[in-house]
Amino acid sequence: MSYVYMKALEKKAEKYDKGISYLTLGHLPKIKKYISENFVLKDEKILDIGMGTGTFSILCAEKGAVVTGIDYSEKMLGVANENIKKKGLTESIQIMKIPVIELDKQFTDKSFDKVTAILVFSELYQAEQDFCLDQINRILKDNGEFILVDEVKPKKVWKKIVYFFIRIPLVVITYFKSQLTTQSLKNIERRFKSHNFSLIEERAYLLDSLKLFRLKKIT
């Protein structure tokens, strides 16, 4: 994971949600709500990779799911813990301080109904992304679902041009307000099948630069 990005999170955890909201023009909170309202079921076991301040884990727990949230930033987890306590959801959400590269050591086969990763993969090297895809497939139950939300580069030329002129000011504003940044995924769609996932649903936002992928484990 990007050292610079992790250090920014450590220093600015309390500004994370606001910073990411700026970067996505307010879309990310709506996407999290859409996922929790439409795909999260009562008593499901969910692994929230890169839980950050816990906003999505809380939405899932409020739907009756049992959530395990992981992150490697102590300050982010500190904010998440406070947010969870305020909501009275400490019995429904377990917090773990582990890096994504230790998924193979921490969780047993077929232990979760769903795994989510929201703006996490874009902070991993491609080899780490591939490792995570394999591990997510392993720890999902048969026919379990992986929900990925992240930045991608638009495919149409005109959207790429508009995206470039919109993204640069957004990145600058976001960095100065919160010292946070992200980068887009490359060729992620091509790799789903090779890691035994089939695409159920794809939703695009911000001129196709932010996408939600809902994937099913192939058994």
C-alpha atoms as a PDB file:
ATOM      1  CA  MET A   1       0.000   0.000   0.000  1.00  0.00           C
ATOM      2  CA  SER A   2       1.129   3.551  -0.749  1.00  0.00           C
ATOM      3  CA  TYR A   3       3.305   4.763   2.118  1.00  0.00           C
ATOM      4  CA  VAL A   4       2.394   8.404   1.461  1.00  0.00           C
ATOM      5  CA  TYR A   5      -1.315   7.605   1.438  1.00  0.00           C
ATOM      6  CA  MET A   6      -1.131   5.624   4.691  1.00  0.00           C
ATOM      7  CA  LYS A   7       0.766   8.434   6.419  1.00  0.00           C
ATOM      8  CA  ALA A   8      -1.881  10.921   5.217  1.00  0.00           C
ATOM      9  CA  LEU A   9      -4.595   8.747   6.721  1.00  0.00           C
ATOM     10  CA  GLU A  10      -2.696   8.468   9.997  1.00  0.00           C
ATOM     11  CA  LYS A  11      -2.479  12.253  10.270  1.00  0.00           C
ATOM     12  CA  LYS A  12      -5.868  13.213   8.844  1.00  0.00           C
ATOM     13  CA  ALA A  13      -8.227  10.390   9.837  1.00  0.00           C
ATOM     14  CA  GLU A  14     -10.836  12.810  11.146  1.00  0.00           C
ATOM     15  CA  LYS A  15     -10.957  14.514   7.730  1.00  0.00           C
ATOM     16  CA  TYR A  16     -11.122  11.334   5.670  1.00  0.00           C
ATOM     17  CA  ASP A  17     -14.872  11.202   5.035  1.00  0.00           C
ATOM     18  CA  LYS A  18     -15.040  14.864   4.112  1.00  0.00           C
ATOM     19  CA  GLY A  19     -12.005  14.580   1.835  1.00  0.00           C
ATOM     20  CA  ILE A  20     -13.313  11.549  -0.032  1.00  0.00           C
ATOM     21  CA  SER A  21     -16.714  13.182  -0.352  1.00  0.00           C
ATOM     22  CA  TYR A  22     -15.032  16.164  -2.053  1.00  0.00           C
ATOM     23  CA  LEU A  23     -13.088  13.859  -4.360  1.00  0.00           C
ATOM     24  CA  THR A  24     -16.217  11.975  -5.468  1.00  0.00           C
ATOM     25  CA  LEU A  25     -18.476  15.061  -5.599  1.00  0.00           C
ATOM     26  CA  GLY A  26     -20.665  13.564  -2.892  1.00  0.00           C
ATOM     27  CA  HIS A  27     -21.262  10.267  -4.693  1.00  0.00           C
ATOM     28  CA  LEU A  28     -19.519   7.925  -2.266  1.00  0.00           C
ATOM     29  CA  PRO A  29     -21.924   8.311   0.685  1.00  0.00           C
ATOM     30  CA  LYS A  30     -24.814   7.657  -1.716  1.00  0.00           C
ATOM     31  CA  ILE A  31     -23.087   4.574  -3.124  1.00  0.00           C
ATOM     32  CA  LYS A  32     -22.524   3.162   0.367  1.00  0.00           C
ATOM     33  CA  LYS A  33     -26.181   3.722   1.180  1.00  0.00           C
ATOM     34  CA  TYR A  34     -27.257   2.082  -2.091  1.00  0.00           C
ATOM     35  CA  ILE A  35     -25.181  -1.022  -1.354  1.00  0.00           C
ATOM     36  CA  SER A  36     -26.364  -1.383   2.227  1.00  0.00           C
ATOM     37  CA  GLU A  37     -30.021  -0.854   1.358  1.00  0.00           C
ATOM     38  CA  ASN A  38     -30.106  -3.210  -1.613  1.00  0.00           C
ATOM     39  CA  PHE A  39     -27.591  -5.983  -1.002  1.00  0.00           C
ATOM     40  CA  VAL A  40     -27.034  -6.379   2.737  1.00  0.00           C
ATOM     41  CA  LEU A  41     -29.232  -8.896   4.553  1.00  0.00           C
ATOM     42  CA  LYS A  42     -29.889  -9.562   8.214  1.00  0.00           C
ATOM     43  CA  ASP A  43     -27.473 -12.010   9.888  1.00  0.00           C
ATOM     44  CA  GLU A  44     -25.078 -12.030   6.942  1.00  0.00           C
ATOM     45  CA  LYS A  45     -21.386 -12.144   7.781  1.00  0.00           C
ATOM     46  CA  ILE A  46     -19.599  -9.314   6.002  1.00  0.00           C
ATOM     47  CA  LEU A  47     -15.914  -8.463   5.761  1.00  0.00           C
ATOM     48  CA  ASP A  48     -15.338  -4.754   5.160  1.00  0.00           C
ATOM     49  CA  ILE A  49     -11.781  -4.388   3.822  1.00  0.00           C
ATOM     50  CA  GLY A  50     -10.293  -0.974   4.509  1.00  0.00           C
ATOM     51  CA  MET A  51     -13.150   0.037   6.792  1.00  0.00           C
ATOM     52  CA  GLY A  52     -11.682   3.503   7.403  1.00  0.00           C
ATOM     53  CA  THR A  53     -13.875   5.463   9.789  1.00  0.00           C
ATOM     54  CA  GLY A  54     -16.487   2.715   9.838  1.00  0.00           C
ATOM     55  CA  THR A  55     -19.270   4.505   7.961  1.00  0.00           C
ATOM     56  CA  PHE A  56     -20.077   1.567   5.688  1.00  0.00           C
ATOM     57  CA  SER A  57     -19.666  -1.055   8.413  1.00  0.00           C
ATOM     58  CA  ILE A  58     -22.196   0.890  10.474  1.00  0.00           C
ATOM     59  CA  LEU A  59     -24.713   0.951   7.612  1.00  0.00           C
ATOM     60  CA  CYS A  60     -24.380  -2.839   7.261  1.00  0.00           C
ATOM     61  CA  ALA A  61     -24.740  -3.449  10.993  1.00  0.00           C
ATOM     62  CA  GLU A  62     -27.853  -1.267  11.071  1.00  0.00           C
ATOM     63  CA  LYS A  63     -29.344  -3.675   8.524  1.00  0.00           C
ATOM     64  CA  GLY A  64     -28.684  -6.548  10.942  1.00  0.00           C
ATOM     65  CA  ALA A  65     -25.456  -7.888   9.429  1.00  0.00           C
ATOM     66  CA  VAL A  66     -22.511  -9.105  11.489  1.00  0.00           C
ATOM     67  CA  VAL A  67     -19.483  -7.143  10.305  1.00  0.00           C
ATOM     68  CA  THR A  68     -15.741  -7.599  10.566  1.00  0.00           C
ATOM     69  CA  GLY A  69     -13.930  -4.422   9.596  1.00  0.00           C
ATOM     70  CA  ILE A  70     -10.212  -4.347   8.903  1.00  0.00           C
ATOM     71  CA  ASP A  71      -7.779  -1.492   8.410  1.00  0.00           C
ATOM     72  CA  TYR A  72      -4.119  -0.848   9.182  1.00  0.00           C
ATOM     73  CA  SER A  73      -4.355   2.737  10.360  1.00  0.00           C
ATOM     74  CA  GLU A  74      -4.642   3.094  14.122  1.00  0.00           C
ATOM     75  CA  LYS A  75      -6.073   6.597  13.847  1.00  0.00           C
ATOM     76  CA  MET A  76      -8.692   5.514  11.299  1.00  0.00           C
ATOM     77  CA  LEU A  77      -9.676   2.610  13.520  1.00  0.00           C
ATOM     78  CA  GLY A  78      -9.798   4.957  16.493  1.00  0.00           C
ATOM     79  CA  VAL A  79     -12.306   7.160  14.683  1.00  0.00           C
ATOM     80  CA  ALA A  80     -14.231   4.055  13.556  1.00  0.00           C
ATOM     81  CA  ASN A  81     -14.378   2.759  17.129  1.00  0.00           C
ATOM     82  CA  GLU A  82     -15.803   6.054  18.383  1.00  0.00           C
ATOM     83  CA  ASN A  83     -18.385   6.151  15.583  1.00  0.00           C
ATOM     84  CA  ILE A  84     -19.448   2.566  16.296  1.00  0.00           C
ATOM     85  CA  LYS A  85     -19.782   3.262  20.029  1.00  0.00           C
ATOM     86  CA  LYS A  86     -21.956   6.305  19.348  1.00  0.00           C
ATOM     87  CA  LYS A  87     -24.304   4.125  17.303  1.00  0.00           C
ATOM     88  CA  GLY A  88     -24.379   1.395  19.956  1.00  0.00           C
ATOM     89  CA  LEU A  89     -23.154  -1.231  17.503  1.00  0.00           C
ATOM     90  CA  THR A  90     -20.104  -2.636  19.284  1.00  0.00           C
ATOM     91  CA  GLU A  91     -21.723  -6.083  19.461  1.00  0.00           C
ATOM     92  CA  SER A  92     -22.320  -6.163  15.716  1.00  0.00           C
ATOM     93  CA  ILE A  93     -18.975  -4.871  14.403  1.00  0.00           C
ATOM     94  CA  GLN A  94     -15.574  -6.379  15.106  1.00  0.00           C
ATOM     95  CA  ILE A  95     -12.556  -4.184  14.387  1.00  0.00           C
ATOM     96  CA  MET A  96      -9.222  -5.734  13.415  1.00  0.00           C
ATOM     97  CA  LYS A  97      -5.929  -3.935  12.773  1.00  0.00           C
ATOM     98  CA  ILE A  98      -4.420  -5.962   9.933  1.00  0.00           C
ATOM     99  CA  PRO A  99      -3.075  -5.180   6.441  1.00  0.00           C
ATOM    100  CA  VAL A 100      -4.805  -6.650   3.412  1.00  0.00           C
ATOM    101  CA  ILE A 101      -1.712  -8.713   2.612  1.00  0.00           C
ATOM    102  CA  GLU A 102      -2.473 -10.824   5.697  1.00  0.00           C
ATOM    103  CA  LEU A 103      -5.894 -11.989   4.568  1.00  0.00           C
ATOM    104  CA  ASP A 104      -4.432 -15.453   4.052  1.00  0.00           C
ATOM    105  CA  LYS A 105      -3.368 -15.650   7.700  1.00  0.00           C
ATOM    106  CA  GLN A 106      -6.435 -14.209   9.392  1.00  0.00           C
ATOM    107  CA  PHE A 107      -9.544 -15.806   7.901  1.00  0.00           C
ATOM    108  CA  THR A 108     -10.635 -19.360   7.167  1.00  0.00           C
ATOM    109  CA  ASP A 109     -12.145 -20.676   3.940  1.00  0.00           C
ATOM    110  CA  LYS A 110     -15.782 -19.826   3.194  1.00  0.00           C
ATOM    111  CA  SER A 111     -16.278 -17.679   6.300  1.00  0.00           C
ATOM    112  CA  PHE A 112     -18.136 -14.669   4.831  1.00  0.00           C
ATOM    113  CA  ASP A 113     -21.330 -14.114   2.851  1.00  0.00           C
ATOM    114  CA  LYS A 114     -20.034 -10.866   1.390  1.00  0.00           C
ATOM    115  CA  VAL A 115     -16.755  -8.997   1.163  1.00  0.00           C
ATOM    116  CA  THR A 116     -16.587  -5.285   0.388  1.00  0.00           C
ATOM    117  CA  ALA A 117     -13.688  -3.038  -0.612  1.00  0.00           C
ATOM    118  CA  ILE A 118     -14.497   0.631  -1.103  1.00  0.00           C
ATOM    119  CA  LEU A 119     -11.688   2.850  -2.461  1.00  0.00           C
ATOM    120  CA  VAL A 120      -9.112   0.317  -1.306  1.00  0.00           C
ATOM    121  CA  PHE A 121      -7.832  -1.481  -4.397  1.00  0.00           C
ATOM    122  CA  SER A 122      -6.635   1.787  -5.955  1.00  0.00           C
ATOM    123  CA  GLU A 123      -4.079   2.034  -3.137  1.00  0.00           C
ATOM    124  CA  LEU A 124      -2.616  -1.414  -3.838  1.00  0.00           C
ATOM    125  CA  TYR A 125      -0.051  -2.555  -6.367  1.00  0.00           C
ATOM    126  CA  GLN A 126      -1.460  -4.847  -9.051  1.00  0.00           C
ATOM    127  CA  ALA A 127       0.208  -7.901  -7.500  1.00  0.00           C
ATOM    128  CA  GLU A 128      -1.458  -7.031  -4.187  1.00  0.00           C
ATOM    129  CA  GLN A 129      -4.809  -6.616  -5.940  1.00  0.00           C
ATOM    130  CA  ASP A 130      -4.451 -10.066  -7.505  1.00  0.00           C
ATOM    131  CA  PHE A 131      -3.499 -11.543  -4.138  1.00  0.00           C
ATOM    132  CA  CYS A 132      -6.584  -9.957  -2.556  1.00  0.00           C
ATOM    133  CA  LEU A 133      -8.886 -11.229  -5.290  1.00  0.00           C
ATOM    134  CA  ASP A 134      -7.657 -14.774  -4.703  1.00  0.00           C
ATOM    135  CA  GLN A 135      -8.045 -14.474  -0.950  1.00  0.00           C
ATOM    136  CA  ILE A 136     -11.479 -12.886  -1.182  1.00  0.00           C
ATOM    137  CA  ASN A 137     -12.614 -15.756  -3.380  1.00  0.00           C
ATOM    138  CA  ARG A 138     -11.233 -18.217  -0.834  1.00  0.00           C
ATOM    139  CA  ILE A 139     -12.918 -16.705   2.210  1.00  0.00           C
ATOM    140  CA  LEU A 140     -16.289 -16.185   0.519  1.00  0.00           C
ATOM    141  CA  LYS A 141     -18.944 -18.838   0.964  1.00  0.00           C
ATOM    142  CA  ASP A 142     -20.174 -20.650  -2.141  1.00  0.00           C
ATOM    143  CA  ASN A 143     -22.051 -18.120  -4.292  1.00  0.00           C
ATOM    144  CA  GLY A 144     -20.867 -15.347  -1.992  1.00  0.00           C
ATOM    145  CA  GLU A 145     -20.520 -11.802  -3.318  1.00  0.00           C
ATOM    146  CA  PHE A 146     -17.644  -9.348  -3.563  1.00  0.00           C
ATOM    147  CA  ILE A 147     -18.578  -5.677  -3.894  1.00  0.00           C
ATOM    148  CA  LEU A 148     -15.827  -3.388  -5.159  1.00  0.00           C
ATOM    149  CA  VAL A 149     -16.080   0.383  -5.483  1.00  0.00           C
ATOM    150  CA  ASP A 150     -13.150   2.267  -6.925  1.00  0.00           C
ATOM    151  CA  GLU A 151     -11.798   4.704  -9.472  1.00  0.00           C
ATOM    152  CA  VAL A 152     -11.262   3.636 -13.083  1.00  0.00           C
ATOM    153  CA  LYS A 153     -10.339   5.502 -16.240  1.00  0.00           C
ATOM    154  CA  PRO A 154     -13.229   6.203 -18.643  1.00  0.00           C
ATOM    155  CA  LYS A 155     -13.046   4.337 -21.960  1.00  0.00           C
ATOM    156  CA  LYS A 156     -14.633   6.892 -24.275  1.00  0.00           C
ATOM    157  CA  VAL A 157     -12.260   9.574 -25.522  1.00  0.00           C
ATOM    158  CA  TRP A 158     -14.523  12.530 -24.776  1.00  0.00           C
ATOM    159  CA  LYS A 159     -15.130  11.267 -21.256  1.00  0.00           C
ATOM    160  CA  LYS A 160     -11.394  10.854 -20.748  1.00  0.00           C
ATOM    161  CA  ILE A 161     -10.855  14.471 -21.751  1.00  0.00           C
ATOM    162  CA  VAL A 162     -13.623  15.813 -19.517  1.00  0.00           C
ATOM    163  CA  TYR A 163     -12.496  13.494 -16.705  1.00  0.00           C
ATOM    164  CA  PHE A 164      -8.973  14.878 -16.941  1.00  0.00           C
ATOM    165  CA  PHE A 165     -10.092  18.497 -16.654  1.00  0.00           C
ATOM    166  CA  ILE A 166     -12.497  17.703 -13.806  1.00  0.00           C
ATOM    167  CA  ARG A 167     -10.213  15.367 -11.897  1.00  0.00           C
ATOM    168  CA  ILE A 168      -7.153  17.612 -11.733  1.00  0.00           C
ATOM    169  CA  PRO A 169      -8.963  20.461  -9.890  1.00  0.00           C
ATOM    170  CA  LEU A 170     -10.712  17.908  -7.653  1.00  0.00           C
ATOM    171  CA  VAL A 171      -7.434  16.250  -6.736  1.00  0.00           C
ATOM    172  CA  VAL A 172      -5.852  19.627  -5.948  1.00  0.00           C
ATOM    173  CA  ILE A 173      -8.816  20.828  -3.861  1.00  0.00           C
ATOM    174  CA  THR A 174      -9.057  17.508  -2.038  1.00  0.00           C
ATOM    175  CA  TYR A 175      -5.349  17.414  -1.272  1.00  0.00           C
ATOM    176  CA  PHE A 176      -5.278  20.942   0.122  1.00  0.00           C
ATOM    177  CA  LYS A 177      -8.372  20.315   2.236  1.00  0.00           C
ATOM    178  CA  SER A 178      -7.452  16.868   3.567  1.00  0.00           C
ATOM    179  CA  GLN A 179      -3.998  15.807   2.238  1.00  0.00           C
ATOM    180  CA  LEU A 180      -5.629  12.745   0.641  1.00  0.00           C
ATOM    181  CA  THR A 181      -5.429  11.363  -2.879  1.00  0.00           C
ATOM    182  CA  THR A 182      -6.290   8.230  -4.853  1.00  0.00           C
ATOM    183  CA  GLN A 183      -5.460   6.734  -8.245  1.00  0.00           C
ATOM    184  CA  SER A 184      -7.520   4.842 -10.800  1.00  0.00           C
ATOM    185  CA  LEU A 185      -7.459   1.061 -11.268  1.00  0.00           C
ATOM    186  CA  LYS A 186      -6.022  -0.405 -14.456  1.00  0.00           C
ATOM    187  CA  ASN A 187      -7.588  -3.307 -16.357  1.00  0.00           C
ATOM    188  CA  ILE A 188      -9.433  -4.538 -13.280  1.00  0.00           C
ATOM    189  CA  GLU A 189     -12.431  -5.810 -15.291  1.00  0.00           C
ATOM    190  CA  ARG A 190     -10.224  -8.206 -17.253  1.00  0.00           C
ATOM    191  CA  ARG A 191      -8.962  -9.862 -14.101  1.00  0.00           C
ATOM    192  CA  PHE A 192     -12.262 -10.737 -12.451  1.00  0.00           C
ATOM    193  CA  LYS A 193     -12.822 -13.908 -14.452  1.00  0.00           C
ATOM    194  CA  SER A 194      -9.249 -15.135 -13.997  1.00  0.00           C
ATOM    195  CA  HIS A 195      -9.816 -14.954 -10.244  1.00  0.00           C
ATOM    196  CA  ASN A 196     -13.102 -16.876 -10.467  1.00  0.00           C
ATOM    197  CA  PHE A 197     -15.588 -14.027 -10.233  1.00  0.00           C
ATOM    198  CA  SER A 198     -18.547 -13.339 -12.484  1.00  0.00           C
ATOM    199  CA  LEU A 199     -19.981  -9.836 -12.861  1.00  0.00           C
ATOM    200  CA  ILE A 200     -23.550  -9.455 -11.582  1.00  0.00           C
ATOM    201  CA  GLU A 201     -23.898  -5.695 -11.744  1.00  0.00           C
ATOM    202  CA  GLU A 202     -21.858  -2.675 -12.730  1.00  0.00           C
ATOM    203  CA  ARG A 203     -22.813   0.926 -12.011  1.00  0.00           C
ATOM    204  CA  ALA A 204     -20.841   3.955 -13.190  1.00  0.00           C
ATOM    205  CA  TYR A 205     -20.605   7.443 -11.709  1.00  0.00           C
ATOM    206  CA  LEU A 206     -18.677  10.638 -12.441  1.00  0.00           C
ATOM    207  CA  LEU A 207     -18.378  10.152 -16.216  1.00  0.00           C
ATOM    208  CA  ASP A 208     -17.591   6.453 -15.715  1.00  0.00           C
ATOM    209  CA  SER A 209     -14.557   7.316 -13.559  1.00  0.00           C
ATOM    210  CA  LEU A 210     -16.005   5.778 -10.387  1.00  0.00           C
ATOM    211  CA  LYS A 211     -17.539   2.313 -10.590  1.00  0.00           C
ATOM    212  CA  LEU A 212     -19.364  -0.158  -8.424  1.00  0.00           C
ATOM    213  CA  PHE A 213     -18.730  -3.803  -9.333  1.00  0.00           C
ATOM    214  CA  ARG A 214     -20.923  -6.464  -7.808  1.00  0.00           C
ATOM    215  CA  LEU A 215     -19.289  -9.846  -8.315  1.00  0.00           C
ATOM    216  CA  LYS A 216     -20.287 -13.418  -7.549  1.00  0.00           C
ATOM    217  CA  LYS A 217     -17.890 -16.170  -6.575  1.00  0.00           C
ATOM    218  CA  ILE A 218     -17.765 -18.876  -9.243  1.00  0.00           C
ATOM    219  CA  THR A 219     -17.983 -22.338  -7.712  1.00  0.00           C
END
